[in-house]
Amino acid sequence: MNATIWHNPACGTSRKTLAILETTPGIELTVIEYLTQPYSADKLRQLFTDAGLKARDALRLRGTDAEERGLTDAQEDAIIAAMATHPAYVERPIVETDKGVRLCRPQDVVREIL
């Protein structure tokens, strides 16, 4: 099974999710450190659609200025544009497998798509 994790190595939940993926037999893993390889707006839209999320559901507030910038009240396209420009606004980690997409908070959510 193919799996891609949009990973932040500084995040404990992201590291724990990555460890689950690395120790699951049969996983062909791609790791994208999204702070250095940012999402495109189109990829964010696809991931959110496939996960059944709105951009607001995946908006990271802690440690960012997203709330001060008014993103909590912004329209979907504005949130996605901000996330594509400032990938730290995306909550982490997001995992995509052949079985679906999940925002893996907590990390055990990843097991739903393995």
N, C-alpha and C. Protein backbone atom coordinates (compact mmCIF):
# COMPACT_ATOMS: atom_id res chain seq x y z
N MET A 1 0.84 -1.18 0.00
CA MET A 1 0.00 0.00 0.00
C MET A 1 0.88 1.24 0.00
N ASN A 2 0.50 2.22 -0.80
CA ASN A 2 1.19 3.50 -0.82
C ASN A 2 0.66 4.38 0.29
N ALA A 3 1.56 5.14 0.91
CA ALA A 3 1.18 6.09 1.95
C ALA A 3 2.08 7.31 1.83
N THR A 4 1.48 8.48 1.98
CA THR A 4 2.22 9.73 1.99
C THR A 4 1.86 10.46 3.27
N ILE A 5 2.87 10.91 3.99
CA ILE A 5 2.65 11.73 5.19
C ILE A 5 3.24 13.11 4.93
N TRP A 6 2.45 14.13 5.22
CA TRP A 6 2.93 15.50 5.21
C TRP A 6 3.37 15.74 6.65
N HIS A 7 4.68 15.79 6.82
CA HIS A 7 5.34 15.62 8.11
C HIS A 7 6.05 16.88 8.56
N ASN A 8 6.00 17.10 9.87
CA ASN A 8 6.80 18.14 10.51
C ASN A 8 7.64 17.44 11.57
N PRO A 9 8.95 17.30 11.36
CA PRO A 9 9.77 16.56 12.31
C PRO A 9 9.82 17.17 13.71
N ALA A 10 9.43 18.43 13.86
CA ALA A 10 9.42 19.07 15.18
C ALA A 10 8.16 18.74 15.97
N CYS A 11 7.20 18.08 15.36
CA CYS A 11 5.91 17.78 15.98
C CYS A 11 5.89 16.34 16.51
N GLY A 12 5.60 16.19 17.79
CA GLY A 12 5.54 14.86 18.39
C GLY A 12 4.48 13.97 17.77
N THR A 13 3.29 14.50 17.51
CA THR A 13 2.23 13.70 16.90
C THR A 13 2.64 13.26 15.50
N SER A 14 3.28 14.15 14.77
CA SER A 14 3.74 13.79 13.43
C SER A 14 4.80 12.69 13.50
N ARG A 15 5.72 12.80 14.44
CA ARG A 15 6.76 11.76 14.59
C ARG A 15 6.13 10.42 14.98
N LYS A 16 5.15 10.44 15.86
CA LYS A 16 4.49 9.20 16.28
C LYS A 16 3.71 8.57 15.13
N THR A 17 3.06 9.40 14.32
CA THR A 17 2.34 8.89 13.16
C THR A 17 3.31 8.29 12.16
N LEU A 18 4.41 8.97 11.93
CA LEU A 18 5.44 8.44 11.02
C LEU A 18 5.95 7.10 11.52
N ALA A 19 6.16 6.96 12.82
CA ALA A 19 6.64 5.69 13.38
C ALA A 19 5.64 4.57 13.12
N ILE A 20 4.34 4.85 13.25
CA ILE A 20 3.32 3.84 12.94
C ILE A 20 3.44 3.40 11.49
N LEU A 21 3.57 4.38 10.60
CA LEU A 21 3.68 4.06 9.17
C LEU A 21 4.95 3.26 8.87
N GLU A 22 6.05 3.64 9.49
CA GLU A 22 7.32 2.96 9.23
C GLU A 22 7.34 1.52 9.74
N THR A 23 6.54 1.23 10.75
CA THR A 23 6.55 -0.12 11.33
C THR A 23 5.38 -0.98 10.85
N THR A 24 4.58 -0.44 9.93
CA THR A 24 3.48 -1.22 9.37
C THR A 24 3.98 -1.95 8.13
N PRO A 25 3.89 -3.28 8.14
CA PRO A 25 4.37 -4.05 6.97
C PRO A 25 3.59 -3.69 5.70
N GLY A 26 4.31 -3.69 4.59
CA GLY A 26 3.67 -3.50 3.29
C GLY A 26 3.42 -2.07 2.89
N ILE A 27 3.94 -1.12 3.64
CA ILE A 27 3.73 0.30 3.33
C ILE A 27 4.90 0.82 2.47
N GLU A 28 4.55 1.39 1.33
CA GLU A 28 5.52 2.12 0.50
C GLU A 28 5.34 3.59 0.87
N LEU A 29 6.27 4.11 1.67
CA LEU A 29 6.08 5.40 2.32
C LEU A 29 6.80 6.54 1.61
N THR A 30 6.07 7.64 1.44
CA THR A 30 6.64 8.90 0.98
C THR A 30 6.47 9.90 2.10
N VAL A 31 7.57 10.55 2.47
CA VAL A 31 7.54 11.56 3.53
C VAL A 31 7.80 12.91 2.89
N ILE A 32 6.86 13.83 3.10
CA ILE A 32 7.01 15.19 2.59
C ILE A 32 7.07 16.13 3.79
N GLU A 33 8.21 16.78 3.95
CA GLU A 33 8.34 17.79 5.01
C GLU A 33 7.73 19.08 4.46
N TYR A 34 6.46 19.28 4.78
CA TYR A 34 5.67 20.31 4.10
C TYR A 34 6.12 21.73 4.40
N LEU A 35 6.89 21.94 5.45
CA LEU A 35 7.38 23.30 5.71
C LEU A 35 8.46 23.70 4.71
N THR A 36 9.15 22.70 4.14
CA THR A 36 10.16 22.99 3.12
C THR A 36 9.68 22.65 1.71
N GLN A 37 8.64 21.81 1.62
CA GLN A 37 8.02 21.46 0.33
C GLN A 37 6.52 21.74 0.48
N PRO A 38 6.12 23.01 0.40
CA PRO A 38 4.74 23.38 0.71
C PRO A 38 3.70 22.73 -0.20
N TYR A 39 2.50 22.63 0.33
CA TYR A 39 1.34 22.15 -0.42
C TYR A 39 1.00 23.14 -1.52
N SER A 40 0.43 22.66 -2.60
CA SER A 40 -0.22 23.55 -3.56
C SER A 40 -1.67 23.73 -3.10
N ALA A 41 -2.30 24.77 -3.53
CA ALA A 41 -3.71 24.99 -3.18
C ALA A 41 -4.57 23.83 -3.70
N ASP A 42 -4.27 23.35 -4.90
CA ASP A 42 -5.04 22.23 -5.46
C ASP A 42 -4.88 20.96 -4.64
N LYS A 43 -3.67 20.70 -4.16
CA LYS A 43 -3.44 19.51 -3.34
C LYS A 43 -4.19 19.62 -2.02
N LEU A 44 -4.17 20.79 -1.42
CA LEU A 44 -4.92 20.99 -0.18
C LEU A 44 -6.41 20.74 -0.39
N ARG A 45 -6.96 21.28 -1.47
CA ARG A 45 -8.38 21.06 -1.76
C ARG A 45 -8.69 19.57 -1.89
N GLN A 46 -7.82 18.86 -2.62
CA GLN A 46 -8.02 17.41 -2.82
C GLN A 46 -7.93 16.67 -1.50
N LEU A 47 -6.93 16.97 -0.68
CA LEU A 47 -6.78 16.29 0.61
C LEU A 47 -7.97 16.55 1.52
N PHE A 48 -8.41 17.80 1.59
CA PHE A 48 -9.54 18.13 2.45
C PHE A 48 -10.82 17.45 1.97
N THR A 49 -11.04 17.46 0.67
CA THR A 49 -12.22 16.79 0.12
C THR A 49 -12.19 15.30 0.45
N ASP A 50 -11.05 14.67 0.21
CA ASP A 50 -10.92 13.23 0.45
C ASP A 50 -11.03 12.87 1.93
N ALA A 51 -10.64 13.80 2.80
CA ALA A 51 -10.73 13.56 4.25
C ALA A 51 -12.08 13.97 4.83
N GLY A 52 -12.91 14.62 4.00
CA GLY A 52 -14.20 15.10 4.50
C GLY A 52 -14.06 16.29 5.42
N LEU A 53 -13.05 17.11 5.17
CA LEU A 53 -12.77 18.27 6.02
C LEU A 53 -13.02 19.57 5.26
N LYS A 54 -13.30 20.59 6.00
CA LYS A 54 -13.24 21.95 5.49
C LYS A 54 -11.86 22.49 5.85
N ALA A 55 -11.38 23.46 5.11
CA ALA A 55 -10.07 24.04 5.40
C ALA A 55 -10.00 24.52 6.85
N ARG A 56 -11.08 25.09 7.33
CA ARG A 56 -11.12 25.59 8.72
C ARG A 56 -10.85 24.47 9.72
N ASP A 57 -11.29 23.23 9.40
CA ASP A 57 -11.08 22.08 10.28
C ASP A 57 -9.60 21.74 10.42
N ALA A 58 -8.81 22.09 9.41
CA ALA A 58 -7.39 21.75 9.39
C ALA A 58 -6.51 22.98 9.62
N LEU A 59 -7.11 24.08 10.05
CA LEU A 59 -6.37 25.31 10.28
C LEU A 59 -5.68 25.25 11.64
N ARG A 60 -4.37 25.36 11.63
CA ARG A 60 -3.60 25.32 12.87
C ARG A 60 -3.57 26.72 13.48
N LEU A 61 -4.06 26.81 14.70
CA LEU A 61 -4.07 28.09 15.40
C LEU A 61 -2.89 28.21 16.36
N ARG A 62 -2.60 27.11 17.06
CA ARG A 62 -1.53 27.15 18.06
C ARG A 62 -0.19 27.38 17.39
N GLY A 63 0.54 28.38 17.87
CA GLY A 63 1.86 28.67 17.33
C GLY A 63 1.85 29.43 16.02
N THR A 64 0.69 29.92 15.61
CA THR A 64 0.61 30.70 14.37
C THR A 64 -0.14 32.00 14.63
N ASP A 65 -0.14 32.86 13.64
CA ASP A 65 -0.91 34.11 13.74
C ASP A 65 -2.19 34.03 12.91
N ALA A 66 -2.66 32.80 12.64
CA ALA A 66 -3.84 32.61 11.79
C ALA A 66 -5.07 33.30 12.35
N GLU A 67 -5.25 33.22 13.65
CA GLU A 67 -6.42 33.87 14.25
C GLU A 67 -6.33 35.39 14.14
N GLU A 68 -5.16 35.92 14.43
CA GLU A 68 -4.96 37.38 14.34
C GLU A 68 -5.15 37.88 12.91
N ARG A 69 -4.86 37.04 11.94
CA ARG A 69 -5.02 37.42 10.53
C ARG A 69 -6.45 37.24 10.05
N GLY A 70 -7.34 36.80 10.94
CA GLY A 70 -8.74 36.67 10.60
C GLY A 70 -9.09 35.41 9.84
N LEU A 71 -8.20 34.43 9.83
CA LEU A 71 -8.46 33.22 9.04
C LEU A 71 -9.57 32.36 9.63
N THR A 72 -9.83 32.47 10.92
CA THR A 72 -10.90 31.67 11.51
C THR A 72 -12.27 32.07 10.97
N ASP A 73 -12.38 33.28 10.45
CA ASP A 73 -13.64 33.77 9.89
C ASP A 73 -13.60 33.90 8.37
N ALA A 74 -12.51 33.48 7.77
CA ALA A 74 -12.33 33.66 6.33
C ALA A 74 -13.08 32.58 5.54
N GLN A 75 -13.27 32.85 4.27
CA GLN A 75 -13.88 31.89 3.35
C GLN A 75 -12.87 30.78 3.02
N GLU A 76 -13.39 29.66 2.57
CA GLU A 76 -12.58 28.47 2.26
C GLU A 76 -11.39 28.79 1.35
N ASP A 77 -11.63 29.50 0.26
CA ASP A 77 -10.55 29.79 -0.69
C ASP A 77 -9.47 30.65 -0.06
N ALA A 78 -9.84 31.58 0.81
CA ALA A 78 -8.86 32.44 1.47
C ALA A 78 -8.01 31.64 2.45
N ILE A 79 -8.64 30.71 3.15
CA ILE A 79 -7.88 29.86 4.09
C ILE A 79 -6.90 28.99 3.32
N ILE A 80 -7.36 28.38 2.24
CA ILE A 80 -6.48 27.52 1.45
C ILE A 80 -5.34 28.33 0.85
N ALA A 81 -5.61 29.51 0.36
CA ALA A 81 -4.55 30.35 -0.20
C ALA A 81 -3.51 30.69 0.88
N ALA A 82 -3.97 31.00 2.07
CA ALA A 82 -3.04 31.30 3.17
C ALA A 82 -2.22 30.07 3.53
N MET A 83 -2.87 28.90 3.55
CA MET A 83 -2.15 27.66 3.86
C MET A 83 -1.09 27.34 2.81
N ALA A 84 -1.41 27.57 1.55
CA ALA A 84 -0.45 27.30 0.48
C ALA A 84 0.75 28.25 0.57
N THR A 85 0.51 29.46 1.02
CA THR A 85 1.58 30.44 1.18
C THR A 85 2.36 30.23 2.47
N HIS A 86 1.65 29.86 3.53
CA HIS A 86 2.23 29.67 4.87
C HIS A 86 1.85 28.27 5.36
N PRO A 87 2.60 27.25 4.98
CA PRO A 87 2.22 25.88 5.32
C PRO A 87 2.12 25.59 6.82
N ALA A 88 2.68 26.43 7.65
CA ALA A 88 2.55 26.24 9.10
C ALA A 88 1.10 26.40 9.56
N TYR A 89 0.24 26.97 8.72
CA TYR A 89 -1.18 27.11 9.05
C TYR A 89 -1.94 25.80 8.92
N VAL A 90 -1.32 24.77 8.36
CA VAL A 90 -1.98 23.48 8.19
C VAL A 90 -1.70 22.61 9.41
N GLU A 91 -2.77 22.11 10.03
CA GLU A 91 -2.61 21.18 11.15
C GLU A 91 -1.93 19.93 10.65
N ARG A 92 -1.23 19.25 11.54
CA ARG A 92 -0.43 18.11 11.14
C ARG A 92 -0.62 16.93 12.06
N PRO A 93 -0.26 15.78 11.52
CA PRO A 93 0.11 15.44 10.15
C PRO A 93 -1.11 15.01 9.35
N ILE A 94 -1.02 15.17 8.06
CA ILE A 94 -2.02 14.63 7.14
C ILE A 94 -1.39 13.42 6.47
N VAL A 95 -2.16 12.33 6.39
CA VAL A 95 -1.68 11.11 5.75
C VAL A 95 -2.69 10.71 4.67
N GLU A 96 -2.16 10.34 3.51
CA GLU A 96 -2.96 9.86 2.39
C GLU A 96 -2.49 8.45 2.05
N THR A 97 -3.43 7.50 2.00
CA THR A 97 -3.11 6.14 1.56
C THR A 97 -4.09 5.75 0.46
N ASP A 98 -3.93 4.52 -0.01
CA ASP A 98 -4.86 4.00 -1.01
C ASP A 98 -6.28 3.91 -0.47
N LYS A 99 -6.43 3.93 0.85
CA LYS A 99 -7.75 3.79 1.49
C LYS A 99 -8.36 5.12 1.92
N GLY A 100 -7.64 6.24 1.76
CA GLY A 100 -8.22 7.51 2.14
C GLY A 100 -7.22 8.49 2.71
N VAL A 101 -7.76 9.58 3.25
CA VAL A 101 -6.95 10.66 3.82
C VAL A 101 -7.47 10.96 5.21
N ARG A 102 -6.53 11.19 6.13
CA ARG A 102 -6.90 11.56 7.50
C ARG A 102 -5.95 12.63 8.02
N LEU A 103 -6.52 13.54 8.81
CA LEU A 103 -5.73 14.42 9.67
C LEU A 103 -5.50 13.60 10.93
N CYS A 104 -4.29 13.21 11.17
CA CYS A 104 -3.97 12.19 12.18
C CYS A 104 -3.66 12.80 13.54
N ARG A 105 -4.68 13.38 14.13
CA ARG A 105 -4.62 13.89 15.50
C ARG A 105 -5.79 13.29 16.24
N PRO A 106 -5.56 12.37 17.13
CA PRO A 106 -4.28 11.81 17.55
C PRO A 106 -3.72 10.85 16.50
N GLN A 107 -2.50 10.43 16.73
CA GLN A 107 -1.77 9.64 15.73
C GLN A 107 -2.44 8.32 15.39
N ASP A 108 -3.18 7.73 16.30
CA ASP A 108 -3.81 6.43 16.01
C ASP A 108 -4.90 6.51 14.95
N VAL A 109 -5.35 7.70 14.61
CA VAL A 109 -6.33 7.88 13.53
C VAL A 109 -5.79 7.30 12.23
N VAL A 110 -4.47 7.29 12.07
CA VAL A 110 -3.88 6.77 10.83
C VAL A 110 -4.28 5.31 10.59
N ARG A 111 -4.53 4.56 11.63
CA ARG A 111 -4.87 3.14 11.48
C ARG A 111 -6.18 2.95 10.71
N GLU A 112 -7.04 3.98 10.66
CA GLU A 112 -8.30 3.88 9.91
C GLU A 112 -8.07 3.71 8.42
N ILE A 113 -6.91 4.14 7.95
CA ILE A 113 -6.65 4.10 6.49
C ILE A 113 -5.48 3.18 6.14
N LEU A 114 -5.15 2.28 7.04
CA LEU A 114 -4.09 1.30 6.77
C LEU A 114 -4.69 -0.05 6.45
